[in-house]
Amino acid sequence: MILFDWGTYNALNTLLKASILGMRLTEIPPWDFSRRSRGPEYFEAYRDFAKKAFTTIIAHGPYYNLVTDSPEIEKRIEKALKAAIKKAAAAGADVFNMHIGWRVFLDERDLEAVAAIVKKLLEAAPENMFISLETTYTRRQIGSLDEIKKIIEMVGSERVIPSLQLENVFMYEKRVDQHGNFIQADKETNKEFWLGILRKALGISKGFLSLRFSQVTGVYFGRRLLKKRVPLGKGYPSIEPLAEALAEFMVKEVRQKGISLRMHIIYTGPPETKYEDTITLYAEIMKRVVKHL
């Protein structure tokens, strides 16, 4: 029995490397959906290789703000995302992941606008494709777990799920986006913190428990803190309590209870070290799984 699928993002020309390294998952990166050179044949070739080599194919949609106060821009965003979903379907994607983006109305209308466009995208997606909404790291954007839960309830479909970018959840829940103190926040982040987050996500996940991770540091742009992805071992949050929580949670609270749920973790760190780091992340989790089996 597979405990969880793991892997990283790959263009078509790196799928062979990922498969040789034993990864079980691949993610189509967002820039593949923005390049005019990526025609139908590219995504069909991606599917033909990936379906043989991996158990899960994820598509990371292009970066568009899902909320706008301009009807004209809203139509353009909807058109672009529907085109991306069509390409993702051609590539055999199981999940289409999206960033939600910046707040516009600063009230419940933001969530209502997200729900409205997600409903339209569900109509354009194949019936077996899930749409995942990625968690944010800053209160300037939409995407806390509570907000994603509300959006899912508004949409009313089990095909809409949260995608936990775990370092984002760490920054948001520990308010690093407000105070910028990564070191103190990391000291306060233990296994129990992560178990609480995973249980919360499980309660609103259907079909997939979708997890993503990279370590980060922060840089300031004026007064605004922006996250910067760094290689494993160079940033926050620490891997050890997260890996402990993941191992215990996946074995004791999902597998042993017989919950029907596919789980995966996608490494989303910098490209220069992504293959080494993906393997390291998998090993850190699995060596802790052993004691629970």
C-alpha atoms as a PDB file:
ATOM      1  CA  MET A   1       0.000   0.000   0.000  1.00  0.00           C
ATOM      2  CA  ILE A   2       1.314   3.444  -0.947  1.00  0.00           C
ATOM      3  CA  LEU A   3       1.533   5.804   2.030  1.00  0.00           C
ATOM      4  CA  PHE A   4       1.923   8.983  -0.014  1.00  0.00           C
ATOM      5  CA  ASP A   5       3.140  10.217  -3.384  1.00  0.00           C
ATOM      6  CA  TRP A   6       6.133  12.543  -3.508  1.00  0.00           C
ATOM      7  CA  GLY A   7       8.021  14.553  -6.064  1.00  0.00           C
ATOM      8  CA  THR A   8       8.633  18.017  -7.460  1.00  0.00           C
ATOM      9  CA  TYR A   9       7.832  20.242 -10.429  1.00  0.00           C
ATOM     10  CA  ASN A  10       9.114  19.233 -13.855  1.00  0.00           C
ATOM     11  CA  ALA A  11       8.989  20.464 -17.399  1.00  0.00           C
ATOM     12  CA  LEU A  12       8.748  17.768 -20.066  1.00  0.00           C
ATOM     13  CA  ASN A  13      12.531  17.618 -20.493  1.00  0.00           C
ATOM     14  CA  THR A  14      13.173  16.753 -16.819  1.00  0.00           C
ATOM     15  CA  LEU A  15      10.547  14.036 -16.395  1.00  0.00           C
ATOM     16  CA  LEU A  16      13.084  11.312 -17.164  1.00  0.00           C
ATOM     17  CA  LYS A  17      15.422  12.510 -14.389  1.00  0.00           C
ATOM     18  CA  ALA A  18      12.596  12.595 -11.839  1.00  0.00           C
ATOM     19  CA  SER A  19      11.391   9.124 -12.802  1.00  0.00           C
ATOM     20  CA  ILE A  20      14.891   7.616 -12.607  1.00  0.00           C
ATOM     21  CA  LEU A  21      15.224   9.053  -9.102  1.00  0.00           C
ATOM     22  CA  GLY A  22      12.081   7.167  -8.078  1.00  0.00           C
ATOM     23  CA  MET A  23       9.700  10.064  -7.588  1.00  0.00           C
ATOM     24  CA  ARG A  24       6.044   9.107  -7.699  1.00  0.00           C
ATOM     25  CA  LEU A  25       4.601  12.515  -8.529  1.00  0.00           C
ATOM     26  CA  THR A  26       5.251  15.330 -10.964  1.00  0.00           C
ATOM     27  CA  GLU A  27       3.891  18.851 -11.150  1.00  0.00           C
ATOM     28  CA  ILE A  28       3.553  20.862 -14.353  1.00  0.00           C
ATOM     29  CA  PRO A  29       4.998  24.286 -13.451  1.00  0.00           C
ATOM     30  CA  PRO A  30       2.924  27.456 -13.946  1.00  0.00           C
ATOM     31  CA  TRP A  31       5.169  28.907 -16.648  1.00  0.00           C
ATOM     32  CA  ASP A  32       4.342  25.996 -18.958  1.00  0.00           C
ATOM     33  CA  PHE A  33       0.804  27.372 -19.211  1.00  0.00           C
ATOM     34  CA  SER A  34       1.987  30.876 -20.094  1.00  0.00           C
ATOM     35  CA  ARG A  35       4.405  30.067 -22.919  1.00  0.00           C
ATOM     36  CA  ARG A  36       3.028  30.272 -26.429  1.00  0.00           C
ATOM     37  CA  SER A  37       5.509  27.607 -27.493  1.00  0.00           C
ATOM     38  CA  ARG A  38       3.688  25.056 -25.327  1.00  0.00           C
ATOM     39  CA  GLY A  39       1.083  23.799 -27.782  1.00  0.00           C
ATOM     40  CA  PRO A  40      -1.243  20.765 -27.484  1.00  0.00           C
ATOM     41  CA  GLU A  41       1.480  18.359 -28.564  1.00  0.00           C
ATOM     42  CA  TYR A  42       3.644  19.410 -25.591  1.00  0.00           C
ATOM     43  CA  PHE A  43       0.971  18.552 -23.030  1.00  0.00           C
ATOM     44  CA  GLU A  44       0.047  15.332 -24.818  1.00  0.00           C
ATOM     45  CA  ALA A  45       3.706  14.280 -24.736  1.00  0.00           C
ATOM     46  CA  TYR A  46       3.832  15.177 -21.038  1.00  0.00           C
ATOM     47  CA  ARG A  47       0.827  12.904 -20.411  1.00  0.00           C
ATOM     48  CA  ASP A  48       2.240  10.024 -22.459  1.00  0.00           C
ATOM     49  CA  PHE A  49       5.435   9.947 -20.401  1.00  0.00           C
ATOM     50  CA  ALA A  50       4.043  10.908 -16.979  1.00  0.00           C
ATOM     51  CA  LYS A  51       1.161   8.405 -17.000  1.00  0.00           C
ATOM     52  CA  LYS A  52       3.691   5.577 -17.345  1.00  0.00           C
ATOM     53  CA  ALA A  53       6.198   6.876 -14.797  1.00  0.00           C
ATOM     54  CA  PHE A  54       4.168   8.543 -12.016  1.00  0.00           C
ATOM     55  CA  THR A  55       1.046   7.822  -9.994  1.00  0.00           C
ATOM     56  CA  THR A  56      -0.034  11.475  -9.696  1.00  0.00           C
ATOM     57  CA  ILE A  57       0.147  14.451 -12.066  1.00  0.00           C
ATOM     58  CA  ILE A  58      -0.461  17.925 -10.655  1.00  0.00           C
ATOM     59  CA  ALA A  59      -0.851  21.092 -12.707  1.00  0.00           C
ATOM     60  CA  HIS A  60       0.098  24.396 -11.113  1.00  0.00           C
ATOM     61  CA  GLY A  61      -2.033  27.021 -12.810  1.00  0.00           C
ATOM     62  CA  PRO A  62      -0.569  30.321 -14.009  1.00  0.00           C
ATOM     63  CA  TYR A  63      -0.401  33.198 -11.553  1.00  0.00           C
ATOM     64  CA  TYR A  64      -3.551  35.274 -11.848  1.00  0.00           C
ATOM     65  CA  ASN A  65      -5.390  37.154  -9.137  1.00  0.00           C
ATOM     66  CA  LEU A  66      -8.771  35.434  -8.857  1.00  0.00           C
ATOM     67  CA  VAL A  67     -10.434  38.597  -7.563  1.00  0.00           C
ATOM     68  CA  THR A  68     -10.716  41.876  -9.472  1.00  0.00           C
ATOM     69  CA  ASP A  69     -13.103  44.821  -9.508  1.00  0.00           C
ATOM     70  CA  SER A  70     -12.842  45.073 -13.312  1.00  0.00           C
ATOM     71  CA  PRO A  71     -15.398  42.994 -15.300  1.00  0.00           C
ATOM     72  CA  GLU A  72     -13.151  43.107 -18.370  1.00  0.00           C
ATOM     73  CA  ILE A  73     -10.114  41.785 -16.489  1.00  0.00           C
ATOM     74  CA  GLU A  74     -12.298  39.161 -14.826  1.00  0.00           C
ATOM     75  CA  LYS A  75     -13.286  37.810 -18.246  1.00  0.00           C
ATOM     76  CA  ARG A  76      -9.644  37.671 -19.333  1.00  0.00           C
ATOM     77  CA  ILE A  77      -8.607  35.807 -16.191  1.00  0.00           C
ATOM     78  CA  GLU A  78     -11.441  33.315 -16.580  1.00  0.00           C
ATOM     79  CA  LYS A  79     -10.544  32.723 -20.228  1.00  0.00           C
ATOM     80  CA  ALA A  80      -6.848  32.227 -19.436  1.00  0.00           C
ATOM     81  CA  LEU A  81      -7.528  29.798 -16.591  1.00  0.00           C
ATOM     82  CA  LYS A  82      -9.999  27.779 -18.646  1.00  0.00           C
ATOM     83  CA  ALA A  83      -7.372  27.504 -21.383  1.00  0.00           C
ATOM     84  CA  ALA A  84      -4.841  26.330 -18.788  1.00  0.00           C
ATOM     85  CA  ILE A  85      -7.289  23.740 -17.460  1.00  0.00           C
ATOM     86  CA  LYS A  86      -7.771  22.417 -20.992  1.00  0.00           C
ATOM     87  CA  LYS A  87      -3.992  22.014 -21.341  1.00  0.00           C
ATOM     88  CA  ALA A  88      -3.768  20.410 -17.891  1.00  0.00           C
ATOM     89  CA  ALA A  89      -6.458  17.915 -18.872  1.00  0.00           C
ATOM     90  CA  ALA A  90      -4.514  17.083 -22.050  1.00  0.00           C
ATOM     91  CA  ALA A  91      -1.493  16.403 -19.831  1.00  0.00           C
ATOM     92  CA  GLY A  92      -3.503  14.002 -17.678  1.00  0.00           C
ATOM     93  CA  ALA A  93      -3.509  16.158 -14.546  1.00  0.00           C
ATOM     94  CA  ASP A  94      -5.386  14.861 -11.516  1.00  0.00           C
ATOM     95  CA  VAL A  95      -5.348  18.229  -9.715  1.00  0.00           C
ATOM     96  CA  PHE A  96      -5.278  21.831 -10.972  1.00  0.00           C
ATOM     97  CA  ASN A  97      -3.725  24.040  -8.291  1.00  0.00           C
ATOM     98  CA  MET A  98      -4.185  27.812  -8.041  1.00  0.00           C
ATOM     99  CA  HIS A  99      -2.998  30.750  -5.999  1.00  0.00           C
ATOM    100  CA  ILE A 100      -5.966  32.878  -4.948  1.00  0.00           C
ATOM    101  CA  GLY A 101      -4.163  36.199  -4.873  1.00  0.00           C
ATOM    102  CA  TRP A 102      -4.544  39.653  -3.359  1.00  0.00           C
ATOM    103  CA  ARG A 103      -7.541  41.067  -1.540  1.00  0.00           C
ATOM    104  CA  VAL A 104      -9.597  43.651  -3.408  1.00  0.00           C
ATOM    105  CA  PHE A 105     -12.787  44.384  -1.450  1.00  0.00           C
ATOM    106  CA  LEU A 106     -11.362  43.589   2.013  1.00  0.00           C
ATOM    107  CA  ASP A 107     -14.565  41.843   3.104  1.00  0.00           C
ATOM    108  CA  GLU A 108     -16.714  38.779   2.369  1.00  0.00           C
ATOM    109  CA  ARG A 109     -17.043  39.840  -1.274  1.00  0.00           C
ATOM    110  CA  ASP A 110     -13.488  38.631  -1.873  1.00  0.00           C
ATOM    111  CA  LEU A 111     -14.462  35.074  -0.907  1.00  0.00           C
ATOM    112  CA  GLU A 112     -17.691  35.281  -2.918  1.00  0.00           C
ATOM    113  CA  ALA A 113     -15.735  36.361  -6.004  1.00  0.00           C
ATOM    114  CA  VAL A 114     -13.321  33.442  -5.619  1.00  0.00           C
ATOM    115  CA  ALA A 115     -16.208  30.982  -5.236  1.00  0.00           C
ATOM    116  CA  ALA A 116     -17.873  32.384  -8.357  1.00  0.00           C
ATOM    117  CA  ILE A 117     -14.854  31.893 -10.602  1.00  0.00           C
ATOM    118  CA  VAL A 118     -14.058  28.449  -9.126  1.00  0.00           C
ATOM    119  CA  LYS A 119     -17.591  27.330 -10.019  1.00  0.00           C
ATOM    120  CA  LYS A 120     -16.979  28.379 -13.625  1.00  0.00           C
ATOM    121  CA  LEU A 121     -13.636  26.585 -13.720  1.00  0.00           C
ATOM    122  CA  LEU A 122     -15.201  23.392 -12.368  1.00  0.00           C
ATOM    123  CA  GLU A 123     -17.589  23.436 -15.336  1.00  0.00           C
ATOM    124  CA  ALA A 124     -14.613  23.649 -17.700  1.00  0.00           C
ATOM    125  CA  ALA A 125     -12.609  20.919 -15.953  1.00  0.00           C
ATOM    126  CA  PRO A 126     -13.013  17.169 -16.551  1.00  0.00           C
ATOM    127  CA  GLU A 127     -15.239  15.468 -13.976  1.00  0.00           C
ATOM    128  CA  ASN A 128     -12.283  13.571 -12.509  1.00  0.00           C
ATOM    129  CA  MET A 129     -10.108  16.681 -11.999  1.00  0.00           C
ATOM    130  CA  PHE A 130      -9.839  18.358  -8.596  1.00  0.00           C
ATOM    131  CA  ILE A 131      -9.199  22.071  -8.148  1.00  0.00           C
ATOM    132  CA  SER A 132      -6.986  22.981  -5.218  1.00  0.00           C
ATOM    133  CA  LEU A 133      -6.669  26.404  -3.614  1.00  0.00           C
ATOM    134  CA  GLU A 134      -3.254  27.152  -2.175  1.00  0.00           C
ATOM    135  CA  THR A 135      -2.743  28.609   1.284  1.00  0.00           C
ATOM    136  CA  THR A 136      -1.101  32.019   1.572  1.00  0.00           C
ATOM    137  CA  TYR A 137       1.570  33.379   3.891  1.00  0.00           C
ATOM    138  CA  THR A 138       0.286  36.948   4.252  1.00  0.00           C
ATOM    139  CA  ARG A 139      -2.922  38.605   5.370  1.00  0.00           C
ATOM    140  CA  ARG A 140      -2.677  40.876   2.352  1.00  0.00           C
ATOM    141  CA  GLN A 141      -3.772  37.879   0.276  1.00  0.00           C
ATOM    142  CA  ILE A 142      -6.755  35.531   0.421  1.00  0.00           C
ATOM    143  CA  GLY A 143      -5.963  31.998   1.458  1.00  0.00           C
ATOM    144  CA  SER A 144      -5.988  31.096   5.131  1.00  0.00           C
ATOM    145  CA  LEU A 145      -7.294  27.596   5.838  1.00  0.00           C
ATOM    146  CA  ASP A 146     -10.449  29.112   7.323  1.00  0.00           C
ATOM    147  CA  GLU A 147     -11.034  31.219   4.208  1.00  0.00           C
ATOM    148  CA  ILE A 148     -10.466  28.270   1.909  1.00  0.00           C
ATOM    149  CA  LYS A 149     -12.950  26.261   3.960  1.00  0.00           C
ATOM    150  CA  LYS A 150     -15.551  29.024   3.496  1.00  0.00           C
ATOM    151  CA  ILE A 151     -14.891  29.139  -0.254  1.00  0.00           C
ATOM    152  CA  ILE A 152     -15.311  25.362  -0.525  1.00  0.00           C
ATOM    153  CA  GLU A 153     -18.629  25.618   1.313  1.00  0.00           C
ATOM    154  CA  MET A 154     -19.757  28.417  -1.028  1.00  0.00           C
ATOM    155  CA  VAL A 155     -18.839  26.366  -4.105  1.00  0.00           C
ATOM    156  CA  GLY A 156     -20.484  23.235  -2.719  1.00  0.00           C
ATOM    157  CA  SER A 157     -18.281  20.697  -4.498  1.00  0.00           C
ATOM    158  CA  GLU A 158     -16.071  17.933  -3.108  1.00  0.00           C
ATOM    159  CA  ARG A 159     -13.789  18.487  -6.093  1.00  0.00           C
ATOM    160  CA  VAL A 160     -12.476  21.707  -4.510  1.00  0.00           C
ATOM    161  CA  ILE A 161      -9.795  21.064  -1.894  1.00  0.00           C
ATOM    162  CA  PRO A 162      -7.144  22.974   0.041  1.00  0.00           C
ATOM    163  CA  SER A 163      -3.509  22.765  -0.978  1.00  0.00           C
ATOM    164  CA  LEU A 164      -1.322  23.392   2.050  1.00  0.00           C
ATOM    165  CA  GLN A 165       1.866  25.242   1.191  1.00  0.00           C
ATOM    166  CA  LEU A 166       3.209  24.331   4.604  1.00  0.00           C
ATOM    167  CA  GLU A 167       5.746  27.115   5.040  1.00  0.00           C
ATOM    168  CA  ASN A 168       2.965  29.557   4.153  1.00  0.00           C
ATOM    169  CA  VAL A 169       0.771  28.074   6.878  1.00  0.00           C
ATOM    170  CA  PHE A 170       3.687  28.411   9.312  1.00  0.00           C
ATOM    171  CA  MET A 171       4.177  32.090   8.427  1.00  0.00           C
ATOM    172  CA  TYR A 172       0.464  32.881   8.546  1.00  0.00           C
ATOM    173  CA  GLU A 173      -0.409  31.059  11.749  1.00  0.00           C
ATOM    174  CA  LYS A 174       2.684  32.311  13.587  1.00  0.00           C
ATOM    175  CA  ARG A 175       2.112  35.840  12.212  1.00  0.00           C
ATOM    176  CA  VAL A 176       5.564  36.037  10.663  1.00  0.00           C
ATOM    177  CA  ASP A 177       4.027  38.164   7.913  1.00  0.00           C
ATOM    178  CA  GLN A 178       3.388  40.790  10.593  1.00  0.00           C
ATOM    179  CA  HIS A 179       6.477  40.661  12.838  1.00  0.00           C
ATOM    180  CA  GLY A 180       9.126  39.088  10.584  1.00  0.00           C
ATOM    181  CA  ASN A 181      10.767  37.072  13.387  1.00  0.00           C
ATOM    182  CA  PHE A 182      11.367  33.684  11.747  1.00  0.00           C
ATOM    183  CA  ILE A 183      13.682  32.474  14.520  1.00  0.00           C
ATOM    184  CA  GLN A 184      11.190  32.979  17.344  1.00  0.00           C
ATOM    185  CA  ALA A 185       8.308  31.584  15.293  1.00  0.00           C
ATOM    186  CA  ASP A 186      10.342  28.477  14.506  1.00  0.00           C
ATOM    187  CA  LYS A 187      11.081  27.925  18.209  1.00  0.00           C
ATOM    188  CA  GLU A 188       7.336  27.963  18.874  1.00  0.00           C
ATOM    189  CA  THR A 189       6.549  25.463  16.099  1.00  0.00           C
ATOM    190  CA  ASN A 190       6.486  21.864  17.313  1.00  0.00           C
ATOM    191  CA  LYS A 191       4.975  18.552  16.272  1.00  0.00           C
ATOM    192  CA  GLU A 192       1.670  19.347  17.950  1.00  0.00           C
ATOM    193  CA  PHE A 193       1.329  22.548  15.934  1.00  0.00           C
ATOM    194  CA  TRP A 194       1.699  20.613  12.684  1.00  0.00           C
ATOM    195  CA  LEU A 195      -0.639  17.831  13.802  1.00  0.00           C
ATOM    196  CA  GLY A 196      -3.304  20.437  14.487  1.00  0.00           C
ATOM    197  CA  ILE A 197      -2.865  21.920  11.013  1.00  0.00           C
ATOM    198  CA  LEU A 198      -3.006  18.503   9.327  1.00  0.00           C
ATOM    199  CA  ARG A 199      -6.161  17.514  11.224  1.00  0.00           C
ATOM    200  CA  LYS A 200      -7.804  20.770  10.203  1.00  0.00           C
ATOM    201  CA  ALA A 201      -6.878  20.186   6.562  1.00  0.00           C
ATOM    202  CA  LEU A 202      -8.122  16.608   6.694  1.00  0.00           C
ATOM    203  CA  GLY A 203     -11.544  17.849   7.763  1.00  0.00           C
ATOM    204  CA  ILE A 204     -11.990  19.810   4.517  1.00  0.00           C
ATOM    205  CA  SER A 205     -10.122  17.531   2.106  1.00  0.00           C
ATOM    206  CA  LYS A 206     -11.891  15.074  -0.182  1.00  0.00           C
ATOM    207  CA  GLY A 207     -10.084  12.773  -2.558  1.00  0.00           C
ATOM    208  CA  PHE A 208      -6.630  14.244  -1.949  1.00  0.00           C
ATOM    209  CA  LEU A 209      -4.679  15.570   0.995  1.00  0.00           C
ATOM    210  CA  SER A 210      -2.452  17.955  -0.944  1.00  0.00           C
ATOM    211  CA  LEU A 211       0.725  19.207   0.732  1.00  0.00           C
ATOM    212  CA  ARG A 212       3.565  21.374  -0.553  1.00  0.00           C
ATOM    213  CA  PHE A 213       6.782  22.491   1.134  1.00  0.00           C
ATOM    214  CA  SER A 214       9.975  24.472   0.873  1.00  0.00           C
ATOM    215  CA  GLN A 215      11.997  26.331   3.459  1.00  0.00           C
ATOM    216  CA  VAL A 216      12.021  30.119   3.281  1.00  0.00           C
ATOM    217  CA  THR A 217      13.520  33.288   4.637  1.00  0.00           C
ATOM    218  CA  GLY A 218      12.132  36.799   4.277  1.00  0.00           C
ATOM    219  CA  VAL A 219      13.093  39.995   2.486  1.00  0.00           C
ATOM    220  CA  TYR A 220      11.477  43.377   2.945  1.00  0.00           C
ATOM    221  CA  PHE A 221      10.152  45.403   0.032  1.00  0.00           C
ATOM    222  CA  GLY A 222       9.465  48.691   1.752  1.00  0.00           C
ATOM    223  CA  ARG A 223       7.364  47.659   4.747  1.00  0.00           C
ATOM    224  CA  ARG A 224       6.097  44.530   3.055  1.00  0.00           C
ATOM    225  CA  LEU A 225       7.673  41.188   4.006  1.00  0.00           C
ATOM    226  CA  LEU A 226       8.081  38.829   1.060  1.00  0.00           C
ATOM    227  CA  LYS A 227       9.102  35.211   1.400  1.00  0.00           C
ATOM    228  CA  LYS A 228      12.185  33.870  -0.371  1.00  0.00           C
ATOM    229  CA  ARG A 229      12.543  30.158  -1.088  1.00  0.00           C
ATOM    230  CA  VAL A 230      15.907  28.659  -0.096  1.00  0.00           C
ATOM    231  CA  PRO A 231      17.507  25.182  -0.210  1.00  0.00           C
ATOM    232  CA  LEU A 232      16.682  22.762   2.597  1.00  0.00           C
ATOM    233  CA  GLY A 233      18.695  23.503   5.709  1.00  0.00           C
ATOM    234  CA  LYS A 234      18.993  27.200   4.877  1.00  0.00           C
ATOM    235  CA  GLY A 235      15.626  28.507   6.104  1.00  0.00           C
ATOM    236  CA  TYR A 236      12.423  27.997   8.056  1.00  0.00           C
ATOM    237  CA  PRO A 237      10.420  26.208   9.352  1.00  0.00           C
ATOM    238  CA  SER A 238      12.563  23.374  10.689  1.00  0.00           C
ATOM    239  CA  ILE A 239      12.041  20.018   9.013  1.00  0.00           C
ATOM    240  CA  GLU A 240      12.243  17.807  12.112  1.00  0.00           C
ATOM    241  CA  PRO A 241       8.927  18.593  13.871  1.00  0.00           C
ATOM    242  CA  LEU A 242       7.127  18.729  10.525  1.00  0.00           C
ATOM    243  CA  ALA A 243       8.495  15.336   9.458  1.00  0.00           C
ATOM    244  CA  GLU A 244       7.587  13.852  12.866  1.00  0.00           C
ATOM    245  CA  ALA A 245       4.029  15.130  12.533  1.00  0.00           C
ATOM    246  CA  LEU A 246       3.633  13.977   8.936  1.00  0.00           C
ATOM    247  CA  ALA A 247       4.886  10.483   9.724  1.00  0.00           C
ATOM    248  CA  GLU A 248       2.607  10.042  12.733  1.00  0.00           C
ATOM    249  CA  PHE A 249      -0.400  11.613  11.033  1.00  0.00           C
ATOM    250  CA  MET A 250      -0.206   9.673   7.788  1.00  0.00           C
ATOM    251  CA  VAL A 251       0.222   6.319   9.504  1.00  0.00           C
ATOM    252  CA  LYS A 252      -1.971   6.649  12.601  1.00  0.00           C
ATOM    253  CA  GLU A 253      -4.692   9.067  11.531  1.00  0.00           C
ATOM    254  CA  VAL A 254      -5.146   8.180   7.878  1.00  0.00           C
ATOM    255  CA  ARG A 255      -3.787   4.735   7.002  1.00  0.00           C
ATOM    256  CA  GLN A 256      -4.634   2.877  10.219  1.00  0.00           C
ATOM    257  CA  LYS A 257      -8.138   4.366  10.288  1.00  0.00           C
ATOM    258  CA  GLY A 258      -8.728   3.289   6.689  1.00  0.00           C
ATOM    259  CA  ILE A 259      -9.580   6.789   5.437  1.00  0.00           C
ATOM    260  CA  SER A 260     -10.040   6.794   1.674  1.00  0.00           C
ATOM    261  CA  LEU A 261      -7.670   9.578   0.717  1.00  0.00           C
ATOM    262  CA  ARG A 262      -4.720   9.953  -1.613  1.00  0.00           C
ATOM    263  CA  MET A 263      -1.901  11.958  -0.042  1.00  0.00           C
ATOM    264  CA  HIS A 264       1.014  13.712  -1.662  1.00  0.00           C
ATOM    265  CA  ILE A 265       3.759  16.176  -0.865  1.00  0.00           C
ATOM    266  CA  ILE A 266       5.359  18.365  -3.517  1.00  0.00           C
ATOM    267  CA  TYR A 267       8.747  19.961  -2.951  1.00  0.00           C
ATOM    268  CA  THR A 268       8.606  23.544  -4.243  1.00  0.00           C
ATOM    269  CA  GLY A 269      12.062  24.887  -3.434  1.00  0.00           C
ATOM    270  CA  PRO A 270      14.629  26.554  -5.720  1.00  0.00           C
ATOM    271  CA  PRO A 271      15.451  24.700  -8.945  1.00  0.00           C
ATOM    272  CA  GLU A 272      19.201  24.527  -8.320  1.00  0.00           C
ATOM    273  CA  THR A 273      18.823  21.934  -5.540  1.00  0.00           C
ATOM    274  CA  LYS A 274      15.275  20.689  -6.033  1.00  0.00           C
ATOM    275  CA  TYR A 275      16.094  17.048  -6.826  1.00  0.00           C
ATOM    276  CA  GLU A 276      18.493  16.582  -3.912  1.00  0.00           C
ATOM    277  CA  ASP A 277      16.116  18.426  -1.597  1.00  0.00           C
ATOM    278  CA  THR A 278      13.073  16.441  -2.723  1.00  0.00           C
ATOM    279  CA  ILE A 279      14.848  13.186  -1.891  1.00  0.00           C
ATOM    280  CA  THR A 280      16.032  14.578   1.460  1.00  0.00           C
ATOM    281  CA  LEU A 281      12.504  15.678   2.387  1.00  0.00           C
ATOM    282  CA  TYR A 282      11.102  12.236   1.495  1.00  0.00           C
ATOM    283  CA  ALA A 283      13.822  10.496   3.507  1.00  0.00           C
ATOM    284  CA  GLU A 284      13.258  12.718   6.558  1.00  0.00           C
ATOM    285  CA  ILE A 285       9.588  11.751   6.575  1.00  0.00           C
ATOM    286  CA  MET A 286       9.953   8.064   5.782  1.00  0.00           C
ATOM    287  CA  LYS A 287      12.681   7.311   8.323  1.00  0.00           C
ATOM    288  CA  ARG A 288      10.215   8.540  10.947  1.00  0.00           C
ATOM    289  CA  VAL A 289       7.386   6.504   9.457  1.00  0.00           C
ATOM    290  CA  VAL A 290       9.319   3.300  10.230  1.00  0.00           C
ATOM    291  CA  LYS A 291       8.710   3.518  13.980  1.00  0.00           C
ATOM    292  CA  HIS A 292       4.945   3.756  13.419  1.00  0.00           C
ATOM    293  CA  LEU A 293       4.678   0.665  11.204  1.00  0.00           C
END
